[in-house]
C-alpha atoms as a PDB file:
ATOM      1  CA  MET A   1      45.408 -40.372 -36.791  1.00  0.00           C
ATOM      2  CA  GLY A   2      44.342 -42.864 -34.157  1.00  0.00           C
ATOM      3  CA  TYR A   3      41.538 -44.476 -36.119  1.00  0.00           C
ATOM      4  CA  THR A   4      43.967 -45.801 -38.754  1.00  0.00           C
ATOM      5  CA  HIS A   5      45.268 -48.428 -36.314  1.00  0.00           C
ATOM      6  CA  ALA A   6      44.823 -51.891 -37.905  1.00  0.00           C
ATOM      7  CA  GLY A   7      42.670 -53.285 -35.107  1.00  0.00           C
ATOM      8  CA  HIS A   8      40.448 -50.230 -35.181  1.00  0.00           C
ATOM      9  CA  ILE A   9      40.075 -50.531 -38.965  1.00  0.00           C
ATOM     10  CA  ASP A  10      38.927 -54.125 -38.527  1.00  0.00           C
ATOM     11  CA  ALA A  11      36.290 -52.954 -36.062  1.00  0.00           C
ATOM     12  CA  LEU A  12      35.139 -50.214 -38.437  1.00  0.00           C
ATOM     13  CA  ASN A  13      34.911 -52.653 -41.332  1.00  0.00           C
ATOM     14  CA  GLN A  14      32.821 -55.000 -39.193  1.00  0.00           C
ATOM     15  CA  ASN A  15      30.579 -52.077 -38.278  1.00  0.00           C
ATOM     16  CA  ILE A  16      30.026 -51.257 -41.955  1.00  0.00           C
ATOM     17  CA  ALA A  17      29.323 -54.909 -42.785  1.00  0.00           C
ATOM     18  CA  GLU A  18      26.642 -55.031 -40.108  1.00  0.00           C
ATOM     19  CA  LEU A  19      25.031 -51.771 -41.293  1.00  0.00           C
ATOM     20  CA  SER A  20      25.242 -52.268 -45.059  1.00  0.00           C
ATOM     21  CA  ASP A  21      21.643 -53.440 -45.438  1.00  0.00           C
ATOM     22  CA  ASP A  22      20.450 -50.158 -43.924  1.00  0.00           C
ATOM     23  CA  ILE A  23      22.713 -47.810 -45.896  1.00  0.00           C
ATOM     24  CA  ASN A  24      21.134 -45.272 -48.265  1.00  0.00           C
ATOM     25  CA  VAL A  25      23.136 -43.362 -50.859  1.00  0.00           C
ATOM     26  CA  SER A  26      22.242 -40.478 -53.158  1.00  0.00           C
ATOM     27  CA  PHE A  27      24.206 -38.750 -55.903  1.00  0.00           C
ATOM     28  CA  GLU A  28      24.472 -35.191 -57.178  1.00  0.00           C
ATOM     29  CA  PHE A  29      25.164 -34.275 -60.808  1.00  0.00           C
ATOM     30  CA  PHE A  30      25.368 -30.958 -62.649  1.00  0.00           C
ATOM     31  CA  PRO A  31      24.097 -29.997 -66.126  1.00  0.00           C
ATOM     32  CA  PRO A  32      26.788 -30.533 -68.795  1.00  0.00           C
ATOM     33  CA  SER A  33      27.785 -27.654 -71.038  1.00  0.00           C
ATOM     34  CA  THR A  34      29.458 -29.571 -73.873  1.00  0.00           C
ATOM     35  CA  PRO A  35      28.717 -32.791 -75.802  1.00  0.00           C
ATOM     36  CA  LYS A  36      31.776 -34.438 -74.231  1.00  0.00           C
ATOM     37  CA  MET A  37      30.628 -33.494 -70.727  1.00  0.00           C
ATOM     38  CA  GLU A  38      27.153 -34.791 -71.547  1.00  0.00           C
ATOM     39  CA  GLU A  39      28.623 -38.136 -72.550  1.00  0.00           C
ATOM     40  CA  THR A  40      30.538 -38.262 -69.258  1.00  0.00           C
ATOM     41  CA  LEU A  41      27.374 -37.433 -67.319  1.00  0.00           C
ATOM     42  CA  TRP A  42      25.285 -40.192 -68.876  1.00  0.00           C
ATOM     43  CA  ASN A  43      28.065 -42.748 -68.522  1.00  0.00           C
ATOM     44  CA  SER A  44      28.183 -41.890 -64.819  1.00  0.00           C
ATOM     45  CA  VAL A  45      24.403 -41.981 -64.374  1.00  0.00           C
ATOM     46  CA  HIS A  46      24.174 -45.420 -65.945  1.00  0.00           C
ATOM     47  CA  ARG A  47      27.187 -46.672 -63.991  1.00  0.00           C
ATOM     48  CA  LEU A  48      25.754 -45.552 -60.652  1.00  0.00           C
ATOM     49  CA  LYS A  49      22.077 -46.379 -61.248  1.00  0.00           C
ATOM     50  CA  ASP A  50      22.654 -50.078 -60.472  1.00  0.00           C
ATOM     51  CA  LEU A  51      23.528 -49.109 -56.893  1.00  0.00           C
ATOM     52  CA  GLN A  52      19.856 -48.185 -56.411  1.00  0.00           C
ATOM     53  CA  PRO A  53      20.378 -44.718 -54.919  1.00  0.00           C
ATOM     54  CA  LYS A  54      17.591 -43.287 -52.803  1.00  0.00           C
ATOM     55  CA  PHE A  55      17.544 -40.405 -55.294  1.00  0.00           C
ATOM     56  CA  VAL A  56      19.794 -38.473 -57.637  1.00  0.00           C
ATOM     57  CA  SER A  57      19.843 -34.686 -57.775  1.00  0.00           C
ATOM     58  CA  VAL A  58      20.789 -32.226 -60.489  1.00  0.00           C
ATOM     59  CA  THR A  59      22.051 -28.744 -59.670  1.00  0.00           C
ATOM     60  CA  TYR A  60      20.313 -25.607 -60.841  1.00  0.00           C
ATOM     61  CA  GLY A  61      22.075 -22.588 -62.301  1.00  0.00           C
ATOM     62  CA  ALA A  62      21.107 -18.963 -62.040  1.00  0.00           C
ATOM     63  CA  ASN A  63      20.610 -18.471 -65.772  1.00  0.00           C
ATOM     64  CA  SER A  64      17.603 -19.650 -67.742  1.00  0.00           C
ATOM     65  CA  GLY A  65      19.646 -21.819 -70.104  1.00  0.00           C
ATOM     66  CA  GLU A  66      21.079 -23.899 -67.284  1.00  0.00           C
ATOM     67  CA  ARG A  67      17.708 -24.082 -65.559  1.00  0.00           C
ATOM     68  CA  ASP A  68      16.203 -25.489 -68.749  1.00  0.00           C
ATOM     69  CA  ARG A  69      18.989 -28.083 -68.939  1.00  0.00           C
ATOM     70  CA  THR A  70      18.264 -29.112 -65.348  1.00  0.00           C
ATOM     71  CA  HIS A  71      14.567 -29.618 -66.169  1.00  0.00           C
ATOM     72  CA  SER A  72      15.457 -31.653 -69.250  1.00  0.00           C
ATOM     73  CA  ILE A  73      18.091 -33.830 -67.567  1.00  0.00           C
ATOM     74  CA  ILE A  74      15.853 -34.585 -64.595  1.00  0.00           C
ATOM     75  CA  LYS A  75      13.072 -35.823 -66.859  1.00  0.00           C
ATOM     76  CA  GLU A  76      15.534 -37.843 -68.961  1.00  0.00           C
ATOM     77  CA  ILE A  77      17.041 -39.506 -65.886  1.00  0.00           C
ATOM     78  CA  LYS A  78      13.599 -40.534 -64.739  1.00  0.00           C
ATOM     79  CA  SER A  79      12.534 -41.859 -68.145  1.00  0.00           C
ATOM     80  CA  GLN A  80      15.832 -43.625 -68.976  1.00  0.00           C
ATOM     81  CA  THR A  81      16.625 -45.144 -65.582  1.00  0.00           C
ATOM     82  CA  GLY A  82      13.489 -45.093 -63.440  1.00  0.00           C
ATOM     83  CA  LEU A  83      15.505 -43.523 -60.636  1.00  0.00           C
ATOM     84  CA  VAL A  84      13.973 -40.997 -58.252  1.00  0.00           C
ATOM     85  CA  ALA A  85      15.215 -37.700 -59.675  1.00  0.00           C
ATOM     86  CA  ALA A  86      15.346 -34.554 -57.527  1.00  0.00           C
ATOM     87  CA  PRO A  87      15.999 -31.228 -59.257  1.00  0.00           C
ATOM     88  CA  HIS A  88      17.555 -28.359 -57.372  1.00  0.00           C
ATOM     89  CA  LEU A  89      15.199 -25.388 -57.253  1.00  0.00           C
ATOM     90  CA  THR A  90      16.156 -21.879 -56.150  1.00  0.00           C
ATOM     91  CA  CYS A  91      13.866 -18.967 -55.325  1.00  0.00           C
ATOM     92  CA  ILE A  92      16.318 -16.073 -55.686  1.00  0.00           C
ATOM     93  CA  ASP A  93      15.755 -15.629 -59.415  1.00  0.00           C
ATOM     94  CA  ALA A  94      12.079 -16.527 -59.922  1.00  0.00           C
ATOM     95  CA  SER A  95       8.704 -15.067 -58.948  1.00  0.00           C
ATOM     96  CA  ARG A  96       6.192 -16.998 -56.880  1.00  0.00           C
ATOM     97  CA  GLU A  97       4.117 -17.497 -60.007  1.00  0.00           C
ATOM     98  CA  GLU A  98       7.093 -18.955 -61.870  1.00  0.00           C
ATOM     99  CA  LEU A  99       7.900 -21.225 -58.945  1.00  0.00           C
ATOM    100  CA  CYS A 100       4.313 -22.465 -58.812  1.00  0.00           C
ATOM    101  CA  HIS A 101       4.432 -23.196 -62.545  1.00  0.00           C
ATOM    102  CA  ILE A 102       7.730 -25.102 -62.203  1.00  0.00           C
ATOM    103  CA  ALA A 103       6.394 -27.063 -59.219  1.00  0.00           C
ATOM    104  CA  ASP A 104       3.197 -28.008 -61.070  1.00  0.00           C
ATOM    105  CA  ASP A 105       5.164 -29.063 -64.140  1.00  0.00           C
ATOM    106  CA  TYR A 106       7.438 -31.298 -62.089  1.00  0.00           C
ATOM    107  CA  TRP A 107       4.542 -32.849 -60.203  1.00  0.00           C
ATOM    108  CA  GLU A 108       2.587 -33.549 -63.381  1.00  0.00           C
ATOM    109  CA  ASN A 109       5.665 -35.213 -64.866  1.00  0.00           C
ATOM    110  CA  GLY A 110       6.101 -37.523 -61.884  1.00  0.00           C
ATOM    111  CA  ILE A 111       8.966 -35.554 -60.312  1.00  0.00           C
ATOM    112  CA  HIS A 112       7.982 -35.515 -56.644  1.00  0.00           C
ATOM    113  CA  ASN A 113      11.366 -34.861 -54.999  1.00  0.00           C
ATOM    114  CA  ILE A 114      13.034 -31.433 -54.887  1.00  0.00           C
ATOM    115  CA  VAL A 115      16.177 -29.952 -53.332  1.00  0.00           C
ATOM    116  CA  ALA A 116      14.945 -26.518 -52.201  1.00  0.00           C
ATOM    117  CA  LEU A 117      17.548 -23.748 -51.961  1.00  0.00           C
ATOM    118  CA  ARG A 118      17.603 -19.975 -51.697  1.00  0.00           C
ATOM    119  CA  GLY A 119      20.280 -19.628 -54.355  1.00  0.00           C
ATOM    120  CA  ASP A 120      23.203 -17.236 -54.662  1.00  0.00           C
ATOM    121  CA  ILE A 121      22.385 -13.540 -54.469  1.00  0.00           C
ATOM    122  CA  PRO A 122      23.815 -11.728 -57.519  1.00  0.00           C
ATOM    123  CA  PRO A 123      26.190  -8.786 -56.899  1.00  0.00           C
ATOM    124  CA  GLY A 124      24.133  -5.776 -55.855  1.00  0.00           C
ATOM    125  CA  GLY A 125      21.029  -7.927 -55.558  1.00  0.00           C
ATOM    126  CA  GLY A 126      20.023  -6.641 -52.129  1.00  0.00           C
ATOM    127  CA  LYS A 127      17.817  -8.492 -49.681  1.00  0.00           C
ATOM    128  CA  PRO A 128      15.888 -11.338 -51.367  1.00  0.00           C
ATOM    129  CA  GLU A 129      12.097 -11.506 -51.237  1.00  0.00           C
ATOM    130  CA  MET A 130      12.135 -15.248 -50.494  1.00  0.00           C
ATOM    131  CA  TYR A 131      14.368 -17.598 -48.566  1.00  0.00           C
ATOM    132  CA  ALA A 132      14.637 -21.389 -48.633  1.00  0.00           C
ATOM    133  CA  ALA A 133      12.090 -21.791 -45.817  1.00  0.00           C
ATOM    134  CA  ASP A 134       9.604 -19.750 -47.870  1.00  0.00           C
ATOM    135  CA  LEU A 135      10.264 -21.978 -50.879  1.00  0.00           C
ATOM    136  CA  VAL A 136       9.668 -25.112 -48.809  1.00  0.00           C
ATOM    137  CA  THR A 137       6.351 -23.662 -47.626  1.00  0.00           C
ATOM    138  CA  LEU A 138       5.316 -22.792 -51.185  1.00  0.00           C
ATOM    139  CA  LEU A 139       6.176 -26.255 -52.485  1.00  0.00           C
ATOM    140  CA  LYS A 140       4.403 -28.072 -49.644  1.00  0.00           C
ATOM    141  CA  GLU A 141       1.296 -25.942 -50.119  1.00  0.00           C
ATOM    142  CA  ARG A 142       1.333 -26.752 -53.824  1.00  0.00           C
ATOM    143  CA  HIS A 143       1.975 -30.516 -53.626  1.00  0.00           C
ATOM    144  CA  ASP A 144       3.272 -33.064 -51.127  1.00  0.00           C
ATOM    145  CA  PHE A 145       6.855 -33.008 -52.400  1.00  0.00           C
ATOM    146  CA  ASP A 146       9.674 -34.870 -50.678  1.00  0.00           C
ATOM    147  CA  ILE A 147      12.028 -31.955 -49.968  1.00  0.00           C
ATOM    148  CA  SER A 148      15.722 -31.818 -49.132  1.00  0.00           C
ATOM    149  CA  VAL A 149      17.373 -28.617 -47.913  1.00  0.00           C
ATOM    150  CA  ALA A 150      20.956 -27.511 -47.350  1.00  0.00           C
ATOM    151  CA  ALA A 151      22.832 -27.528 -44.042  1.00  0.00           C
ATOM    152  CA  PHE A 152      26.235 -26.072 -43.205  1.00  0.00           C
ATOM    153  CA  PRO A 153      28.343 -27.782 -40.508  1.00  0.00           C
ATOM    154  CA  GLU A 154      30.924 -24.983 -40.798  1.00  0.00           C
ATOM    155  CA  VAL A 155      28.238 -22.252 -40.970  1.00  0.00           C
ATOM    156  CA  HIS A 156      26.862 -20.580 -44.096  1.00  0.00           C
ATOM    157  CA  PRO A 157      29.244 -17.813 -45.221  1.00  0.00           C
ATOM    158  CA  GLU A 158      26.463 -15.204 -44.980  1.00  0.00           C
ATOM    159  CA  ALA A 159      25.097 -16.263 -41.585  1.00  0.00           C
ATOM    160  CA  LYS A 160      25.349 -13.779 -38.706  1.00  0.00           C
ATOM    161  CA  SER A 161      26.351 -16.574 -36.346  1.00  0.00           C
ATOM    162  CA  ALA A 162      26.381 -20.350 -36.009  1.00  0.00           C
ATOM    163  CA  GLN A 163      23.227 -20.159 -33.877  1.00  0.00           C
ATOM    164  CA  ALA A 164      21.410 -17.997 -36.443  1.00  0.00           C
ATOM    165  CA  ASP A 165      22.368 -20.479 -39.153  1.00  0.00           C
ATOM    166  CA  LEU A 166      21.051 -23.373 -37.066  1.00  0.00           C
ATOM    167  CA  LEU A 167      17.750 -21.590 -36.412  1.00  0.00           C
ATOM    168  CA  ASN A 168      17.410 -20.952 -40.139  1.00  0.00           C
ATOM    169  CA  LEU A 169      17.805 -24.690 -40.768  1.00  0.00           C
ATOM    170  CA  LYS A 170      15.150 -25.353 -38.118  1.00  0.00           C
ATOM    171  CA  ARG A 171      12.753 -22.998 -39.950  1.00  0.00           C
ATOM    172  CA  LYS A 172      13.269 -24.985 -43.149  1.00  0.00           C
ATOM    173  CA  ILE A 173      12.522 -28.245 -41.364  1.00  0.00           C
ATOM    174  CA  GLU A 174       9.453 -26.803 -39.631  1.00  0.00           C
ATOM    175  CA  ALA A 175       8.216 -25.593 -43.037  1.00  0.00           C
ATOM    176  CA  GLY A 176       8.108 -29.223 -44.149  1.00  0.00           C
ATOM    177  CA  ALA A 177      11.559 -30.312 -45.346  1.00  0.00           C
ATOM    178  CA  ASN A 178      12.149 -34.058 -45.059  1.00  0.00           C
ATOM    179  CA  ARG A 179      15.933 -34.041 -44.642  1.00  0.00           C
ATOM    180  CA  ALA A 180      18.988 -31.811 -44.676  1.00  0.00           C
ATOM    181  CA  ILE A 181      22.016 -32.465 -46.870  1.00  0.00           C
ATOM    182  CA  THR A 182      25.239 -30.875 -45.681  1.00  0.00           C
ATOM    183  CA  GLN A 183      27.761 -28.868 -47.587  1.00  0.00           C
ATOM    184  CA  PHE A 184      30.804 -31.090 -48.182  1.00  0.00           C
ATOM    185  CA  PHE A 185      33.320 -31.155 -45.352  1.00  0.00           C
ATOM    186  CA  PHE A 186      36.640 -32.795 -44.523  1.00  0.00           C
ATOM    187  CA  ASP A 187      36.601 -32.323 -40.732  1.00  0.00           C
ATOM    188  CA  ILE A 188      34.548 -35.235 -39.396  1.00  0.00           C
ATOM    189  CA  GLU A 189      34.360 -33.860 -35.856  1.00  0.00           C
ATOM    190  CA  CYS A 190      32.824 -30.673 -37.241  1.00  0.00           C
ATOM    191  CA  TYR A 191      29.975 -32.674 -38.784  1.00  0.00           C
ATOM    192  CA  LEU A 192      29.422 -34.735 -35.641  1.00  0.00           C
ATOM    193  CA  ARG A 193      29.294 -31.616 -33.433  1.00  0.00           C
ATOM    194  CA  PHE A 194      26.857 -30.026 -35.880  1.00  0.00           C
ATOM    195  CA  ARG A 195      24.626 -33.107 -35.828  1.00  0.00           C
ATOM    196  CA  ASP A 196      24.569 -32.988 -32.027  1.00  0.00           C
ATOM    197  CA  ARG A 197      23.644 -29.292 -32.093  1.00  0.00           C
ATOM    198  CA  CYS A 198      20.824 -30.013 -34.548  1.00  0.00           C
ATOM    199  CA  ALA A 199      19.417 -32.665 -32.224  1.00  0.00           C
ATOM    200  CA  ALA A 200      19.704 -30.337 -29.216  1.00  0.00           C
ATOM    201  CA  THR A 201      17.798 -27.642 -31.158  1.00  0.00           C
ATOM    202  CA  GLY A 202      14.928 -30.018 -31.923  1.00  0.00           C
ATOM    203  CA  ILE A 203      15.820 -30.736 -35.551  1.00  0.00           C
ATOM    204  CA  ASP A 204      14.697 -34.335 -35.849  1.00  0.00           C
ATOM    205  CA  VAL A 205      15.299 -35.160 -39.530  1.00  0.00           C
ATOM    206  CA  GLU A 206      18.290 -36.964 -40.986  1.00  0.00           C
ATOM    207  CA  ILE A 207      21.361 -34.717 -41.370  1.00  0.00           C
ATOM    208  CA  VAL A 208      22.847 -36.385 -44.429  1.00  0.00           C
ATOM    209  CA  PRO A 209      26.603 -35.827 -44.819  1.00  0.00           C
ATOM    210  CA  GLY A 210      27.665 -34.503 -48.201  1.00  0.00           C
ATOM    211  CA  ILE A 211      30.770 -36.385 -49.351  1.00  0.00           C
ATOM    212  CA  LEU A 212      33.108 -34.900 -51.969  1.00  0.00           C
ATOM    213  CA  PRO A 213      35.573 -37.541 -53.238  1.00  0.00           C
ATOM    214  CA  VAL A 214      38.791 -35.670 -54.031  1.00  0.00           C
ATOM    215  CA  SER A 215      41.046 -36.570 -56.938  1.00  0.00           C
ATOM    216  CA  ASN A 216      42.043 -33.002 -57.848  1.00  0.00           C
ATOM    217  CA  PHE A 217      43.234 -31.348 -54.651  1.00  0.00           C
ATOM    218  CA  LYS A 218      43.721 -27.891 -56.174  1.00  0.00           C
ATOM    219  CA  GLN A 219      40.155 -27.896 -57.482  1.00  0.00           C
ATOM    220  CA  ALA A 220      38.795 -29.159 -54.146  1.00  0.00           C
ATOM    221  CA  SER A 221      40.755 -26.450 -52.319  1.00  0.00           C
ATOM    222  CA  ARG A 222      39.154 -23.786 -54.520  1.00  0.00           C
ATOM    223  CA  PHE A 223      35.697 -25.220 -53.801  1.00  0.00           C
ATOM    224  CA  ALA A 224      36.518 -25.266 -50.086  1.00  0.00           C
ATOM    225  CA  ALA A 225      37.692 -21.647 -50.066  1.00  0.00           C
ATOM    226  CA  MET A 226      34.552 -20.518 -51.889  1.00  0.00           C
ATOM    227  CA  ASN A 227      32.342 -22.252 -49.318  1.00  0.00           C
ATOM    228  CA  HIS A 228      34.367 -21.541 -46.149  1.00  0.00           C
ATOM    229  CA  VAL A 229      35.161 -25.231 -45.693  1.00  0.00           C
ATOM    230  CA  LYS A 230      38.262 -26.110 -43.656  1.00  0.00           C
ATOM    231  CA  VAL A 231      40.937 -28.202 -45.390  1.00  0.00           C
ATOM    232  CA  PRO A 232      42.904 -30.065 -42.680  1.00  0.00           C
ATOM    233  CA  GLY A 233      46.678 -29.797 -42.841  1.00  0.00           C
ATOM    234  CA  TRP A 234      47.113 -33.587 -42.903  1.00  0.00           C
ATOM    235  CA  MET A 235      44.929 -33.759 -46.015  1.00  0.00           C
ATOM    236  CA  ALA A 236      46.991 -31.173 -47.899  1.00  0.00           C
ATOM    237  CA  LYS A 237      50.203 -32.940 -46.860  1.00  0.00           C
ATOM    238  CA  GLN A 238      49.046 -36.253 -48.343  1.00  0.00           C
ATOM    239  CA  PHE A 239      48.542 -34.585 -51.745  1.00  0.00           C
ATOM    240  CA  GLU A 240      51.935 -32.836 -51.748  1.00  0.00           C
ATOM    241  CA  GLY A 241      54.006 -33.484 -54.888  1.00  0.00           C
ATOM    242  CA  LEU A 242      51.154 -35.154 -56.801  1.00  0.00           C
ATOM    243  CA  ASP A 243      50.160 -32.324 -59.158  1.00  0.00           C
ATOM    244  CA  ASP A 244      51.360 -34.318 -62.177  1.00  0.00           C
ATOM    245  CA  ASP A 245      50.332 -37.748 -60.906  1.00  0.00           C
ATOM    246  CA  PRO A 246      46.534 -38.122 -61.339  1.00  0.00           C
ATOM    247  CA  THR A 247      46.541 -41.876 -60.650  1.00  0.00           C
ATOM    248  CA  THR A 248      48.156 -41.527 -57.233  1.00  0.00           C
ATOM    249  CA  ARG A 249      45.970 -38.480 -56.454  1.00  0.00           C
ATOM    250  CA  GLN A 250      42.897 -40.608 -57.065  1.00  0.00           C
ATOM    251  CA  LEU A 251      44.181 -43.378 -54.804  1.00  0.00           C
ATOM    252  CA  VAL A 252      44.996 -40.898 -52.024  1.00  0.00           C
ATOM    253  CA  GLY A 253      41.599 -39.217 -52.347  1.00  0.00           C
ATOM    254  CA  ALA A 254      39.795 -42.554 -52.275  1.00  0.00           C
ATOM    255  CA  SER A 255      41.710 -43.611 -49.165  1.00  0.00           C
ATOM    256  CA  GLN A 256      40.835 -40.361 -47.390  1.00  0.00           C
ATOM    257  CA  ALA A 257      37.144 -40.643 -48.276  1.00  0.00           C
ATOM    258  CA  ILE A 258      37.023 -44.311 -47.240  1.00  0.00           C
ATOM    259  CA  ASP A 259      38.435 -43.397 -43.825  1.00  0.00           C
ATOM    260  CA  MET A 260      35.787 -40.684 -43.545  1.00  0.00           C
ATOM    261  CA  ILE A 261      32.829 -42.912 -44.359  1.00  0.00           C
ATOM    262  CA  ARG A 262      34.159 -45.638 -42.075  1.00  0.00           C
ATOM    263  CA  VAL A 263      34.157 -43.248 -39.134  1.00  0.00           C
ATOM    264  CA  LEU A 264      30.775 -41.744 -40.036  1.00  0.00           C
ATOM    265  CA  SER A 265      29.294 -45.229 -40.360  1.00  0.00           C
ATOM    266  CA  ARG A 266      30.648 -46.130 -36.929  1.00  0.00           C
ATOM    267  CA  GLU A 267      28.952 -42.992 -35.586  1.00  0.00           C
ATOM    268  CA  GLY A 268      25.569 -44.209 -36.832  1.00  0.00           C
ATOM    269  CA  VAL A 269      25.323 -42.423 -40.180  1.00  0.00           C
ATOM    270  CA  LYS A 270      23.221 -44.476 -42.604  1.00  0.00           C
ATOM    271  CA  ASP A 271      22.576 -41.937 -45.385  1.00  0.00           C
ATOM    272  CA  PHE A 272      25.367 -40.538 -47.557  1.00  0.00           C
ATOM    273  CA  HIS A 273      25.088 -37.959 -50.357  1.00  0.00           C
ATOM    274  CA  PHE A 274      27.921 -37.958 -52.889  1.00  0.00           C
ATOM    275  CA  TYR A 275      28.953 -34.902 -54.881  1.00  0.00           C
ATOM    276  CA  THR A 276      30.054 -36.845 -57.958  1.00  0.00           C
ATOM    277  CA  LEU A 277      31.216 -33.938 -60.161  1.00  0.00           C
ATOM    278  CA  ASN A 278      29.658 -36.102 -62.891  1.00  0.00           C
ATOM    279  CA  ARG A 279      32.311 -38.798 -62.441  1.00  0.00           C
ATOM    280  CA  ALA A 280      31.357 -42.291 -61.313  1.00  0.00           C
ATOM    281  CA  GLU A 281      34.641 -44.049 -60.495  1.00  0.00           C
ATOM    282  CA  MET A 282      35.440 -42.884 -56.960  1.00  0.00           C
ATOM    283  CA  THR A 283      31.813 -42.668 -55.874  1.00  0.00           C
ATOM    284  CA  TYR A 284      31.202 -46.228 -57.061  1.00  0.00           C
ATOM    285  CA  ALA A 285      34.242 -47.458 -55.137  1.00  0.00           C
ATOM    286  CA  LEU A 286      33.148 -45.659 -51.962  1.00  0.00           C
ATOM    287  CA  CYS A 287      29.660 -47.119 -52.189  1.00  0.00           C
ATOM    288  CA  HIS A 288      31.229 -50.553 -52.579  1.00  0.00           C
ATOM    289  CA  THR A 289      33.149 -49.919 -49.349  1.00  0.00           C
ATOM    290  CA  LEU A 290      29.857 -49.067 -47.640  1.00  0.00           C
ATOM    291  CA  GLY A 291      28.481 -52.439 -48.715  1.00  0.00           C
ATOM    292  CA  VAL A 292      26.214 -51.005 -51.430  1.00  0.00           C
ATOM    293  CA  ARG A 293      26.165 -53.516 -54.292  1.00  0.00           C
ATOM    294  CA  PRO A 294      24.737 -53.458 -57.829  1.00  0.00           C
ATOM    295  CA  VAL A 295      21.260 -54.921 -58.188  1.00  0.00           C
ATOM    296  CA  GLN A 296      22.373 -57.848 -60.337  1.00  0.00           C
ATOM    297  CA  GLN A 297      24.818 -58.989 -57.643  1.00  0.00           C
ATOM    298  CA  THR A 298      22.167 -59.201 -54.931  1.00  0.00           C
ATOM    299  CA  ALA A 299      19.834 -61.579 -56.772  1.00  0.00           C
END
């Protein structure tokens, strides 16, 4: 690809150096289901907290047990680290009364940031009573939450069209959402075109790119297929023959993600959201590339 030319890389690195003071990062985690996974989660949280993320989010499952774990982890992150913690909240599996109760509980516990989502419709679930825009309205009427919503550069799998999907995002923003965080993507031009279309439609909040660092290509490919995300041929080719070589896979994935954030930074992106999969190593390295440094090193 053209942007890998050495002189161009130097220019991109200079661009990042000049922007680093203005860069914001945020991290997504998911509730662990085993003691070992919980240990990995907390090691990652404590490793990444020194980078002073704008916020960290925790995903929200469709069953009550996972929802309870999300509530618990969010409160623990806040109490243990002092970070701004933003739970995911879905409206597909809860009544308005339940949502009001959850919102009040978060607010009273100092949790003032929420990632508001519709949630996945269960098989045979029919048309939902509420959508994400309705949830944003409910939350804003209840308290003055800082709200993030989802955006889909490659179009939500259930959307009737790209334009319908864009108008749905606009409804969420008009309901009071503060920013949109994109589904992960690997096609940079797709994100940039989407950002331009958002601006042309009057969506004036930050469209934060969701970055998925890839060390397990087969797993990432499954995620991509589930979410209708395009995997470029060049990306697959770079991982060929590495199924039994996790160290090289990690190096290749880090290189690919670094190229991505270099280009996005050059294009004026200053906020990045990392899907960590509860692992800190690659995300930490990518933040370092962006010029984000631990607190103790900036004193």
